[in-house]
Amino acid sequence: MIILNISFIFLFLIIFLDLYINNFPKSKLILVPLDYKFRKIDKNSEVIIDLKIINKSKHKETMVSNLNLDLDFFKSKNNQYLKDLDYAQSIYIYSGSLKKNINNYWPTTIIKANSELLIQVILKFKNNDLKNKIKYIWLKVFWENYGHFGITKKQDGLLVNLNRHNKKELIEIPLKLGYKAIAVKTDLLGSFDNPIETVINYCKNVTKQKDILTIGETPLAIMQGRYISPQNLEYNLFSKILCYFFHPTSSLATACGMQLLIDKIGITRIAFSLIVGFLFKCIGVKGIFYRLTGFESSLIDDISGTVVPYDKSIVMGPINTKLFCDKLSKQLEVEVAVVDVNDLGGVKILASSNNSVNNILKEILKVNPAGNSDEKTPIVLIRNNK
């Protein structure tokens, strides 16, 4: 009876915590990348970046009390870091159709409920050969949200590729069962890249009838903007406790990785899954925790889990994968699958345009033709040699 009472108290406590966390006041502002372009003016180069901040709250207005930018520069070879370049930045905000230069001083700006703020960043470099000096700009946005929740500091990173979709390289890899893989080498991808348009750009005139196009879940998630800086997570005591129940190499073995999952599915479901998973593990059945918590939990990649410059972000699993597969399949007239493959022979099919291809993919992708390092081959075409 005592054990039963303790169990009920524990259950009530974690349900209460979930309700508290879900309803605790928080900022509902999000930063969304729109587009960027590159142009040369006289002896200078300009990069023009368009962003917007959306207030997803239905009732509360929120202020952006400060916003600052910082830039990292990378060469293309192995994403080599380049420290200094001579540049000037200008930030413009829109009020209706009027565009205002803030002269590098961010004015406290109110964003009303269900509305948005358009922002344009112009980077001017004293170099008209910029594309040959650097390939990637990692734009870091440091901004403050102020409102009914108090004040919250956020950090977002956006990749600007000065030579995006410039060229493609195909690498053929023999597979068993009479198939071969054609790995499509791409640029480093980012949230400015539309997933459908990007894959079509790399694969048009390459795919053949009866090919199966596969794309890794992490590159797709990155193009969907499904990554977050750990500084944006308000981790708590419970995330610090729950992460101790996982293997040190797991992405859920850190407070921030665990907090991300708590924010998605709640403490109650995680605690219940841990208990049930432990009981099943005692009788030799593994993986129950991830079955109960869903694909979301197994697809989280903690920092250092992916390539530079995303190695300082936590990457979540992609969304709307079935819809992505169906749309891309219709455009390229081949079957499409979103996959999660590792070097240990593990293969998960997150979604596919036709379930009939799943079994063959699970078998022939065990060799992981896309690789798990910095190969930049997120797209792999599976082709029958016959």
Protein backbone atom coordinates (compact mmCIF):
# COMPACT_ATOMS: atom_id res chain seq x y z
CA MET A 1 0.00 0.00 0.00
CA ILE A 2 2.85 2.38 0.87
CA ILE A 3 4.57 1.64 -2.45
CA LEU A 4 1.30 2.32 -4.30
CA ASN A 5 0.83 5.64 -2.51
CA ILE A 6 4.42 6.68 -3.29
CA SER A 7 3.85 5.77 -6.95
CA PHE A 8 0.72 7.93 -7.11
CA ILE A 9 2.53 10.85 -5.48
CA PHE A 10 5.43 10.49 -7.94
CA LEU A 11 3.02 10.35 -10.89
CA PHE A 12 1.14 13.43 -9.64
CA LEU A 13 4.45 15.29 -9.17
CA ILE A 14 5.79 14.72 -12.67
CA ILE A 15 2.41 15.51 -14.29
CA PHE A 16 2.32 18.75 -12.28
CA LEU A 17 5.87 19.54 -13.43
CA ASP A 18 4.91 19.01 -17.06
CA LEU A 19 1.91 21.33 -16.71
CA TYR A 20 4.10 23.91 -14.99
CA ILE A 21 6.84 23.75 -17.68
CA ASN A 22 4.31 23.90 -20.55
CA ASN A 23 2.45 26.88 -19.09
CA PHE A 24 5.40 28.77 -17.63
CA PRO A 25 5.70 32.18 -19.36
CA LYS A 26 8.26 32.12 -22.16
CA SER A 27 9.19 34.06 -25.25
CA LYS A 28 7.52 32.96 -28.47
CA LEU A 29 9.77 34.94 -30.78
CA ILE A 30 11.66 32.99 -33.44
CA LEU A 31 14.30 34.13 -35.93
CA VAL A 32 13.66 32.93 -39.50
CA PRO A 33 16.14 33.17 -42.42
CA LEU A 34 14.60 34.35 -45.70
CA ASP A 35 17.28 34.69 -48.38
CA TYR A 36 20.65 36.22 -49.21
CA LYS A 37 22.46 37.42 -52.29
CA PHE A 38 25.96 38.41 -53.31
CA ARG A 39 26.97 41.34 -55.52
CA LYS A 40 30.06 43.28 -56.55
CA ILE A 41 30.15 47.07 -56.46
CA ASP A 42 33.32 48.72 -57.81
CA LYS A 43 36.18 47.24 -55.79
CA ASN A 44 33.95 45.99 -53.01
CA SER A 45 31.76 42.94 -52.38
CA GLU A 46 28.39 42.99 -50.64
CA VAL A 47 26.42 40.21 -49.02
CA ILE A 48 22.76 41.09 -48.42
CA ILE A 49 20.92 38.89 -45.92
CA ASP A 50 17.17 39.04 -45.26
CA LEU A 51 15.73 37.75 -41.98
CA LYS A 52 12.54 38.10 -40.00
CA ILE A 53 11.51 37.73 -36.38
CA ILE A 54 8.05 36.23 -35.86
CA ASN A 55 5.98 36.56 -32.69
CA LYS A 56 3.99 33.31 -32.47
CA SER A 57 2.11 34.41 -29.38
CA LYS A 58 -1.62 34.94 -29.97
CA HIS A 59 -2.01 37.50 -27.20
CA LYS A 60 1.30 38.85 -25.88
CA GLU A 61 3.48 41.47 -27.49
CA THR A 62 7.23 41.04 -26.94
CA MET A 63 10.15 43.43 -27.24
CA VAL A 64 13.52 42.80 -28.85
CA SER A 65 15.60 44.92 -26.50
CA ASN A 66 18.93 44.29 -28.20
CA LEU A 67 20.40 42.57 -31.27
CA ASN A 68 24.05 42.21 -32.28
CA LEU A 69 25.88 40.29 -34.98
CA ASP A 70 29.19 38.47 -35.15
CA LEU A 71 30.76 36.68 -38.12
CA ASP A 72 32.96 33.64 -38.55
CA PHE A 73 34.61 33.00 -41.92
CA PHE A 74 35.48 29.60 -43.38
CA LYS A 75 37.38 28.46 -46.45
CA SER A 76 35.89 25.54 -48.33
CA LYS A 77 38.64 22.96 -47.73
CA ASN A 78 37.70 21.08 -44.57
CA ASN A 79 35.85 24.22 -43.43
CA GLN A 80 39.13 25.87 -42.45
CA TYR A 81 38.60 28.87 -40.17
CA LEU A 82 39.74 32.31 -41.33
CA LYS A 83 39.94 34.86 -38.56
CA ASP A 84 40.00 38.41 -39.92
CA LEU A 85 38.50 40.21 -42.91
CA ASP A 86 38.01 43.93 -43.41
CA TYR A 87 34.27 44.57 -43.54
CA ALA A 88 31.52 46.90 -42.36
CA GLN A 89 27.99 45.94 -41.44
CA SER A 90 24.68 47.78 -41.64
CA ILE A 91 21.38 46.62 -40.16
CA TYR A 92 18.04 47.82 -41.49
CA ILE A 93 14.58 47.23 -40.03
CA TYR A 94 11.28 47.70 -41.82
CA SER A 95 8.27 49.63 -40.60
CA GLY A 96 5.65 48.80 -43.17
CA SER A 97 7.28 49.67 -46.50
CA LEU A 98 9.80 52.04 -44.90
CA LYS A 99 13.36 50.78 -44.48
CA LYS A 100 15.38 52.30 -41.66
CA ASN A 101 19.13 52.09 -41.03
CA ILE A 102 19.59 51.66 -37.29
CA ASN A 103 23.24 52.85 -37.52
CA ASN A 104 24.50 49.87 -35.52
CA TYR A 105 22.42 50.79 -32.46
CA TRP A 106 19.49 48.46 -31.98
CA PRO A 107 16.43 50.40 -30.76
CA THR A 108 14.12 48.51 -28.41
CA THR A 109 11.50 47.21 -30.84
CA ILE A 110 8.01 45.94 -30.02
CA ILE A 111 6.70 42.97 -32.00
CA LYS A 112 2.98 42.62 -31.52
CA ALA A 113 1.16 39.30 -31.17
CA ASN A 114 0.86 37.36 -34.45
CA SER A 115 3.11 39.80 -36.28
CA GLU A 116 6.66 39.94 -37.59
CA LEU A 117 9.65 42.22 -38.02
CA LEU A 118 11.66 42.23 -41.25
CA ILE A 119 15.42 42.76 -40.97
CA GLN A 120 18.09 43.24 -43.62
CA VAL A 121 21.80 42.89 -42.96
CA ILE A 122 24.30 44.28 -45.49
CA LEU A 123 27.94 43.23 -45.16
CA LYS A 124 30.40 45.33 -47.18
CA PHE A 125 33.86 43.85 -47.79
CA LYS A 126 36.82 45.82 -49.16
CA ASN A 127 37.55 43.00 -51.56
CA ASN A 128 36.03 42.32 -54.98
CA ASP A 129 37.41 38.77 -55.05
CA LEU A 130 35.68 37.66 -51.87
CA LYS A 131 34.40 34.35 -53.26
CA ASN A 132 37.94 33.16 -53.86
CA LYS A 133 39.02 34.11 -50.35
CA ILE A 134 36.21 32.57 -48.34
CA LYS A 135 33.31 30.27 -49.11
CA TYR A 136 31.16 30.30 -45.99
CA ILE A 137 30.04 32.99 -43.56
CA TRP A 138 28.62 31.82 -40.25
CA LEU A 139 26.33 34.65 -39.16
CA LYS A 140 25.82 34.65 -35.38
CA VAL A 141 22.85 36.64 -34.10
CA PHE A 142 22.80 37.55 -30.40
CA TRP A 143 19.45 38.98 -29.39
CA GLU A 144 17.39 39.70 -26.27
CA ASN A 145 13.67 39.06 -25.78
CA TYR A 146 11.86 41.15 -23.17
CA GLY A 147 8.29 40.71 -22.00
CA HIS A 148 5.89 39.05 -19.52
CA PHE A 149 8.44 36.23 -19.01
CA GLY A 150 11.26 38.59 -18.01
CA ILE A 151 14.32 38.84 -20.24
CA THR A 152 15.79 36.00 -22.31
CA LYS A 153 19.06 36.01 -24.22
CA LYS A 154 19.11 34.02 -27.46
CA GLN A 155 21.76 33.03 -29.95
CA ASP A 156 21.19 31.81 -33.53
CA GLY A 157 23.65 30.78 -36.21
CA LEU A 158 22.97 30.92 -39.97
CA LEU A 159 25.18 29.64 -42.78
CA VAL A 160 25.75 31.87 -45.82
CA ASN A 161 27.36 30.00 -48.72
CA LEU A 162 28.88 32.42 -51.22
CA ASN A 163 29.14 29.72 -53.90
CA ARG A 164 26.03 27.69 -53.17
CA HIS A 165 25.08 25.02 -55.67
CA ASN A 166 28.10 26.02 -57.74
CA LYS A 167 29.09 22.49 -58.76
CA LYS A 168 28.37 18.86 -58.00
CA GLU A 169 30.57 15.79 -57.87
CA LEU A 170 29.42 12.18 -58.22
CA ILE A 171 31.17 9.31 -56.44
CA GLU A 172 30.28 5.74 -57.42
CA ILE A 173 30.42 3.06 -54.73
CA PRO A 174 29.77 -0.64 -55.52
CA LEU A 175 27.19 -2.38 -53.31
CA LYS A 176 26.02 -5.94 -52.96
CA LEU A 177 22.92 -7.53 -54.51
CA GLY A 178 23.72 -6.04 -57.92
CA TYR A 179 23.35 -2.41 -56.84
CA LYS A 180 25.69 0.58 -56.77
CA ALA A 181 25.54 3.84 -54.85
CA ILE A 182 26.11 7.22 -56.45
CA ALA A 183 27.04 9.65 -53.68
CA VAL A 184 26.27 13.26 -54.63
CA LYS A 185 28.83 15.64 -53.15
CA THR A 186 27.24 18.96 -52.19
CA ASP A 187 28.20 22.25 -50.64
CA LEU A 188 27.76 22.66 -46.92
CA LEU A 189 24.00 23.10 -46.55
CA GLY A 190 22.09 25.50 -44.31
CA SER A 191 18.71 26.86 -43.36
CA PHE A 192 18.71 29.27 -46.32
CA ASP A 193 18.56 26.20 -48.63
CA ASN A 194 15.07 25.06 -49.56
CA PRO A 195 15.18 21.25 -49.16
CA ILE A 196 13.15 20.37 -52.27
CA GLU A 197 14.80 22.92 -54.56
CA THR A 198 18.28 22.07 -53.29
CA VAL A 199 17.98 18.32 -53.90
CA ILE A 200 16.46 18.91 -57.35
CA ASN A 201 19.32 21.25 -58.23
CA TYR A 202 21.91 18.61 -57.36
CA CYS A 203 20.07 15.64 -58.85
CA LYS A 204 18.48 16.90 -62.05
CA ASN A 205 19.97 15.18 -65.11
CA VAL A 206 21.59 12.65 -62.75
CA THR A 207 18.70 10.46 -61.63
CA LYS A 208 17.46 7.63 -63.82
CA GLN A 209 14.23 5.71 -63.82
CA LYS A 210 14.07 3.12 -61.02
CA ASP A 211 16.74 4.92 -58.95
CA ILE A 212 16.11 5.28 -55.23
CA LEU A 213 17.16 8.67 -53.88
CA THR A 214 18.15 8.73 -50.20
CA ILE A 215 19.00 11.74 -48.07
CA GLY A 216 20.42 11.78 -44.55
CA GLU A 217 18.12 12.93 -41.78
CA THR A 218 20.65 15.39 -40.30
CA PRO A 219 21.28 17.44 -43.50
CA LEU A 220 17.53 17.57 -44.10
CA ALA A 221 16.92 18.72 -40.52
CA ILE A 222 19.57 21.45 -40.90
CA MET A 223 17.96 22.74 -44.11
CA GLN A 224 14.66 22.83 -42.21
CA GLY A 225 16.31 24.96 -39.50
CA ARG A 226 15.96 22.15 -36.94
CA TYR A 227 19.03 23.03 -34.91
CA ILE A 228 19.39 25.10 -31.79
CA SER A 229 22.14 26.72 -29.79
CA PRO A 230 22.40 25.24 -26.25
CA GLN A 231 22.32 28.80 -24.90
CA ASN A 232 18.67 28.99 -25.97
CA LEU A 233 17.64 26.09 -23.71
CA GLU A 234 16.53 26.81 -20.16
CA TYR A 235 17.65 23.52 -18.66
CA ASN A 236 16.68 22.68 -15.10
CA LEU A 237 17.32 20.26 -12.24
CA PHE A 238 15.21 17.50 -13.84
CA SER A 239 17.16 17.52 -17.10
CA LYS A 240 20.37 17.28 -15.06
CA ILE A 241 19.01 14.26 -13.15
CA LEU A 242 17.42 12.38 -16.07
CA CYS A 243 20.50 12.65 -18.29
CA TYR A 244 22.45 10.51 -15.78
CA PHE A 245 20.46 7.43 -16.85
CA PHE A 246 22.04 7.38 -20.33
CA HIS A 247 25.31 6.10 -21.73
CA PRO A 248 27.98 8.86 -21.74
CA THR A 249 28.12 8.86 -25.57
CA SER A 250 24.35 9.35 -25.91
CA SER A 251 23.02 12.74 -27.02
CA LEU A 252 20.63 12.50 -24.04
CA ALA A 253 23.51 12.23 -21.56
CA THR A 254 23.82 16.02 -21.22
CA ALA A 255 21.45 18.44 -19.53
CA CYS A 256 20.87 20.41 -22.74
CA GLY A 257 20.22 17.34 -24.89
CA MET A 258 17.78 16.04 -22.29
CA GLN A 259 16.11 19.44 -21.88
CA LEU A 260 15.43 19.54 -25.60
CA LEU A 261 13.60 16.22 -25.33
CA ILE A 262 11.72 17.40 -22.22
CA ASP A 263 10.56 20.47 -24.14
CA LYS A 264 9.29 18.19 -26.93
CA ILE A 265 7.55 15.33 -25.09
CA GLY A 266 7.54 16.19 -21.37
CA ILE A 267 9.01 14.75 -18.15
CA THR A 268 6.09 12.34 -17.59
CA ARG A 269 6.62 10.43 -20.83
CA ILE A 270 10.40 10.35 -20.37
CA ALA A 271 10.19 9.08 -16.77
CA PHE A 272 7.59 6.44 -17.69
CA SER A 273 9.70 5.30 -20.67
CA LEU A 274 12.83 5.07 -18.52
CA ILE A 275 11.09 2.86 -15.96
CA VAL A 276 9.50 0.57 -18.55
CA GLY A 277 12.74 0.48 -20.56
CA PHE A 278 14.70 -0.54 -17.46
CA LEU A 279 12.27 -3.37 -16.67
CA PHE A 280 12.50 -4.72 -20.23
CA LYS A 281 16.28 -4.41 -20.21
CA CYS A 282 16.34 -6.64 -17.11
CA ILE A 283 14.85 -9.44 -19.23
CA GLY A 284 17.18 -8.79 -22.17
CA VAL A 285 14.98 -6.56 -24.34
CA LYS A 286 16.71 -3.31 -25.37
CA GLY A 287 15.54 -0.14 -27.13
CA ILE A 288 12.13 0.11 -25.40
CA PHE A 289 12.84 3.66 -24.19
CA TYR A 290 13.29 4.93 -27.74
CA ARG A 291 10.21 3.09 -28.96
CA LEU A 292 8.10 4.71 -26.26
CA THR A 293 9.55 8.20 -26.71
CA GLY A 294 9.43 8.03 -30.52
CA PHE A 295 11.93 8.76 -33.29
CA GLU A 296 12.42 12.28 -31.91
CA SER A 297 14.55 11.00 -29.01
CA SER A 298 16.87 8.84 -31.12
CA LEU A 299 17.44 11.54 -33.75
CA ILE A 300 18.80 14.26 -31.44
CA ASP A 301 22.47 14.99 -32.19
CA ASP A 302 24.18 16.83 -29.36
CA ILE A 303 26.98 19.36 -29.97
CA SER A 304 30.00 17.87 -31.77
CA GLY A 305 27.59 15.41 -33.39
CA THR A 306 27.82 16.93 -36.87
CA VAL A 307 30.09 18.99 -39.14
CA VAL A 308 31.53 22.47 -38.57
CA PRO A 309 29.98 24.99 -37.93
CA TYR A 310 26.98 23.00 -36.65
CA ASP A 311 29.22 21.23 -34.14
CA LYS A 312 28.20 23.82 -31.54
CA SER A 313 24.48 23.28 -32.08
CA ILE A 314 22.06 20.53 -31.09
CA VAL A 315 20.40 19.13 -34.21
CA MET A 316 16.89 17.68 -33.96
CA GLY A 317 15.27 15.20 -36.31
CA PRO A 318 13.59 16.48 -39.50
CA ILE A 319 9.85 17.09 -39.73
CA ASN A 320 7.27 16.35 -42.44
CA THR A 321 9.53 13.65 -43.88
CA LYS A 322 6.74 11.76 -45.65
CA LEU A 323 5.52 14.93 -47.35
CA PHE A 324 9.11 15.74 -48.38
CA CYS A 325 9.56 12.27 -49.93
CA ASP A 326 6.27 12.42 -51.82
CA LYS A 327 6.90 15.91 -53.25
CA LEU A 328 10.46 15.15 -54.30
CA SER A 329 9.46 11.79 -55.78
CA LYS A 330 6.85 13.49 -57.93
CA GLN A 331 9.34 16.11 -59.14
CA LEU A 332 12.22 13.75 -59.99
CA GLU A 333 10.10 10.67 -60.84
CA VAL A 334 12.13 8.35 -58.60
CA GLU A 335 11.45 6.82 -55.19
CA VAL A 336 12.77 8.89 -52.27
CA ALA A 337 13.65 7.97 -48.69
CA VAL A 338 14.90 9.87 -45.64
CA VAL A 339 17.38 7.67 -43.80
CA ASP A 340 19.46 7.56 -40.63
CA VAL A 341 22.55 5.41 -41.22
CA ASN A 342 25.67 4.93 -39.10
CA ASP A 343 29.05 3.23 -39.51
CA LEU A 344 27.99 0.38 -37.22
CA GLY A 345 25.52 -0.96 -39.78
CA GLY A 346 22.43 0.64 -38.27
CA VAL A 347 19.82 1.72 -40.82
CA LYS A 348 16.54 3.50 -40.06
CA ILE A 349 14.07 4.54 -42.71
CA LEU A 350 12.29 7.61 -41.36
CA ALA A 351 9.98 7.93 -44.36
CA SER A 352 9.79 6.93 -48.00
CA SER A 353 7.64 7.68 -51.00
CA ASN A 354 6.99 3.93 -51.40
CA ASN A 355 7.32 1.44 -48.55
CA SER A 356 8.31 -1.27 -51.02
CA VAL A 357 11.87 0.15 -51.16
CA ASN A 358 12.41 0.05 -47.39
CA ASN A 359 13.61 -3.55 -47.10
CA ILE A 360 16.21 -3.30 -49.86
CA LEU A 361 17.50 -0.01 -48.41
CA LYS A 362 17.87 -1.53 -44.94
CA GLU A 363 20.06 -4.24 -46.42
CA ILE A 364 22.30 -2.39 -48.87
CA LEU A 365 22.80 0.80 -46.81
CA LYS A 366 24.54 -1.11 -43.99
CA VAL A 367 27.90 -0.13 -45.51
CA ASN A 368 26.90 3.54 -45.11
CA PRO A 369 27.92 4.90 -48.55
CA ALA A 370 27.25 8.49 -47.43
CA GLY A 371 29.75 8.27 -44.56
CA ASN A 372 29.52 9.80 -41.08
CA SER A 373 32.34 12.34 -41.26
CA ASP A 374 32.87 15.46 -43.38
CA GLU A 375 32.28 13.81 -46.76
CA LYS A 376 29.49 16.27 -47.71
CA THR A 377 27.59 13.51 -49.51
CA PRO A 378 24.14 13.77 -47.90
CA ILE A 379 22.39 12.55 -51.07
CA VAL A 380 22.95 8.98 -52.26
CA LEU A 381 21.31 7.44 -55.32
CA ILE A 382 20.81 3.68 -55.21
CA ARG A 383 20.91 2.22 -58.72
CA ASN A 384 20.41 -1.32 -59.96
CA ASN A 385 23.31 -2.32 -62.22
CA LYS A 386 21.07 -4.46 -64.41
